[in-house]
């Protein structure tokens, strides 16, 4: 990927990076382990990110 990214692409990549985080431990405890995993979790190599 190019080192020089336009700001729009950079913002979209930051959003995708944030969405890729696991569920926080306090939410797992609060929901009594009914919510354990993030269904939107994405592997960086196997799935493509359409950010333009």
N, C-alpha and C. Protein backbone atom coordinates (compact mmCIF):
# COMPACT_ATOMS: atom_id res chain seq x y z
N UNK A 1 0.85 -1.18 0.00
CA UNK A 1 0.00 0.00 0.00
C UNK A 1 0.89 1.23 0.00
N UNK A 2 0.41 2.26 -0.64
CA UNK A 2 1.17 3.50 -0.74
C UNK A 2 1.36 4.14 0.63
N UNK A 3 2.53 4.73 0.82
CA UNK A 3 2.80 5.41 2.09
C UNK A 3 1.98 6.69 2.18
N UNK A 4 1.77 7.34 1.04
CA UNK A 4 0.99 8.59 1.02
C UNK A 4 -0.46 8.29 0.72
N UNK A 5 -1.28 8.31 1.75
CA UNK A 5 -2.71 8.04 1.60
C UNK A 5 -3.47 9.35 1.74
N UNK A 6 -4.55 9.50 0.98
CA UNK A 6 -5.37 10.68 1.19
C UNK A 6 -6.16 10.52 2.48
N UNK A 7 -6.56 11.66 3.05
CA UNK A 7 -7.12 11.65 4.41
C UNK A 7 -8.41 10.85 4.51
N UNK A 8 -9.23 10.83 3.47
CA UNK A 8 -10.47 10.06 3.49
C UNK A 8 -10.22 8.58 3.66
N UNK A 9 -9.25 8.06 2.91
CA UNK A 9 -8.91 6.64 3.01
C UNK A 9 -8.35 6.32 4.39
N UNK A 10 -7.54 7.23 4.91
CA UNK A 10 -6.94 7.01 6.22
C UNK A 10 -8.00 6.93 7.32
N UNK A 11 -9.01 7.80 7.25
CA UNK A 11 -10.10 7.81 8.22
C UNK A 11 -10.89 6.50 8.13
N UNK A 12 -11.16 6.04 6.90
CA UNK A 12 -11.91 4.79 6.73
C UNK A 12 -11.11 3.59 7.24
N UNK A 13 -9.80 3.61 7.04
CA UNK A 13 -8.96 2.52 7.56
C UNK A 13 -8.93 2.53 9.08
N UNK A 14 -8.93 3.71 9.69
CA UNK A 14 -8.97 3.81 11.15
C UNK A 14 -10.27 3.25 11.70
N UNK A 15 -11.38 3.51 11.00
CA UNK A 15 -12.69 2.99 11.43
C UNK A 15 -12.70 1.46 11.38
N UNK A 16 -12.14 0.90 10.29
CA UNK A 16 -12.08 -0.56 10.16
C UNK A 16 -11.18 -1.17 11.22
N UNK A 17 -10.11 -0.49 11.57
CA UNK A 17 -9.21 -0.98 12.62
C UNK A 17 -9.90 -0.98 13.98
N UNK A 18 -10.72 0.05 14.23
CA UNK A 18 -11.48 0.12 15.48
C UNK A 18 -12.54 -0.97 15.56
N UNK A 19 -13.22 -1.21 14.43
CA UNK A 19 -14.27 -2.23 14.39
C UNK A 19 -13.71 -3.63 14.59
N UNK A 20 -12.42 -3.80 14.31
CA UNK A 20 -11.81 -5.12 14.36
C UNK A 20 -11.40 -5.53 15.78
N UNK A 21 -11.69 -4.73 16.77
CA UNK A 21 -11.27 -5.03 18.14
C UNK A 21 -12.17 -6.08 18.78
N UNK A 22 -11.66 -6.84 19.74
CA UNK A 22 -12.49 -7.83 20.42
C UNK A 22 -13.49 -7.18 21.37
N UNK A 23 -14.43 -7.97 21.86
CA UNK A 23 -15.42 -7.47 22.83
C UNK A 23 -14.70 -7.24 24.16
N UNK A 24 -14.90 -6.08 24.79
CA UNK A 24 -14.25 -5.82 26.07
C UNK A 24 -14.67 -6.81 27.16
N UNK A 25 -13.75 -7.06 28.09
CA UNK A 25 -13.99 -8.04 29.14
C UNK A 25 -15.17 -7.65 30.03
N UNK A 26 -15.35 -6.35 30.27
CA UNK A 26 -16.43 -5.91 31.15
C UNK A 26 -17.80 -6.16 30.52
N UNK A 27 -17.89 -6.14 29.21
CA UNK A 27 -19.16 -6.44 28.53
C UNK A 27 -19.47 -7.93 28.64
N UNK A 28 -18.43 -8.76 28.53
CA UNK A 28 -18.62 -10.21 28.68
C UNK A 28 -19.13 -10.51 30.08
N UNK A 29 -18.57 -9.85 31.09
CA UNK A 29 -19.02 -10.06 32.47
C UNK A 29 -20.43 -9.52 32.69
N UNK A 30 -20.70 -8.35 32.12
CA UNK A 30 -22.00 -7.70 32.31
C UNK A 30 -23.14 -8.52 31.70
N UNK A 31 -22.88 -9.16 30.55
CA UNK A 31 -23.93 -9.93 29.88
C UNK A 31 -23.91 -11.40 30.30
N UNK A 32 -23.13 -11.71 31.34
CA UNK A 32 -23.01 -13.09 31.84
C UNK A 32 -22.62 -14.08 30.74
N UNK A 33 -21.67 -13.66 29.92
CA UNK A 33 -21.07 -14.45 28.84
C UNK A 33 -22.03 -14.80 27.69
N UNK A 34 -23.15 -14.07 27.58
CA UNK A 34 -24.00 -14.30 26.40
C UNK A 34 -23.37 -13.65 25.17
N UNK A 35 -22.70 -12.51 25.39
CA UNK A 35 -21.96 -11.87 24.30
C UNK A 35 -20.49 -12.17 24.53
N UNK A 36 -19.91 -13.01 23.69
CA UNK A 36 -18.52 -13.40 23.88
C UNK A 36 -17.62 -12.92 22.76
N UNK A 37 -18.13 -12.98 21.53
CA UNK A 37 -17.27 -12.66 20.40
C UNK A 37 -17.85 -11.55 19.55
N UNK A 38 -16.99 -10.92 18.80
CA UNK A 38 -17.38 -9.86 17.88
C UNK A 38 -17.66 -10.49 16.52
N UNK A 39 -18.91 -10.45 16.04
CA UNK A 39 -19.22 -11.08 14.75
C UNK A 39 -18.59 -10.35 13.55
N UNK A 40 -18.20 -9.10 13.75
CA UNK A 40 -17.58 -8.32 12.66
C UNK A 40 -16.06 -8.41 12.67
N UNK A 41 -15.51 -9.35 13.43
CA UNK A 41 -14.06 -9.52 13.49
C UNK A 41 -13.54 -9.93 12.12
N UNK A 42 -12.40 -9.39 11.72
CA UNK A 42 -11.90 -9.57 10.37
C UNK A 42 -10.42 -9.91 10.40
N UNK A 43 -10.02 -10.90 9.61
CA UNK A 43 -8.61 -11.27 9.51
C UNK A 43 -7.95 -10.38 8.46
N UNK A 44 -6.84 -9.78 8.78
CA UNK A 44 -6.20 -8.79 7.92
C UNK A 44 -5.75 -9.38 6.60
N UNK A 45 -5.44 -10.66 6.58
CA UNK A 45 -4.89 -11.24 5.36
C UNK A 45 -5.96 -11.85 4.47
N UNK A 46 -6.94 -12.50 5.07
CA UNK A 46 -7.90 -13.28 4.28
C UNK A 46 -9.07 -12.47 3.74
N UNK A 47 -9.44 -11.37 4.40
CA UNK A 47 -10.58 -10.59 3.93
C UNK A 47 -10.14 -9.20 3.48
N UNK A 48 -10.72 -8.74 2.39
CA UNK A 48 -10.36 -7.47 1.81
C UNK A 48 -11.20 -6.36 2.41
N UNK A 49 -10.61 -5.19 2.55
CA UNK A 49 -11.31 -4.02 3.07
C UNK A 49 -11.57 -3.08 1.90
N UNK A 50 -12.83 -2.80 1.65
CA UNK A 50 -13.19 -1.91 0.53
C UNK A 50 -13.22 -0.46 1.03
N UNK A 51 -12.07 0.20 1.04
CA UNK A 51 -12.03 1.58 1.52
C UNK A 51 -11.79 2.59 0.41
N UNK A 52 -11.39 2.13 -0.75
CA UNK A 52 -11.24 3.03 -1.89
C UNK A 52 -9.94 3.76 -2.00
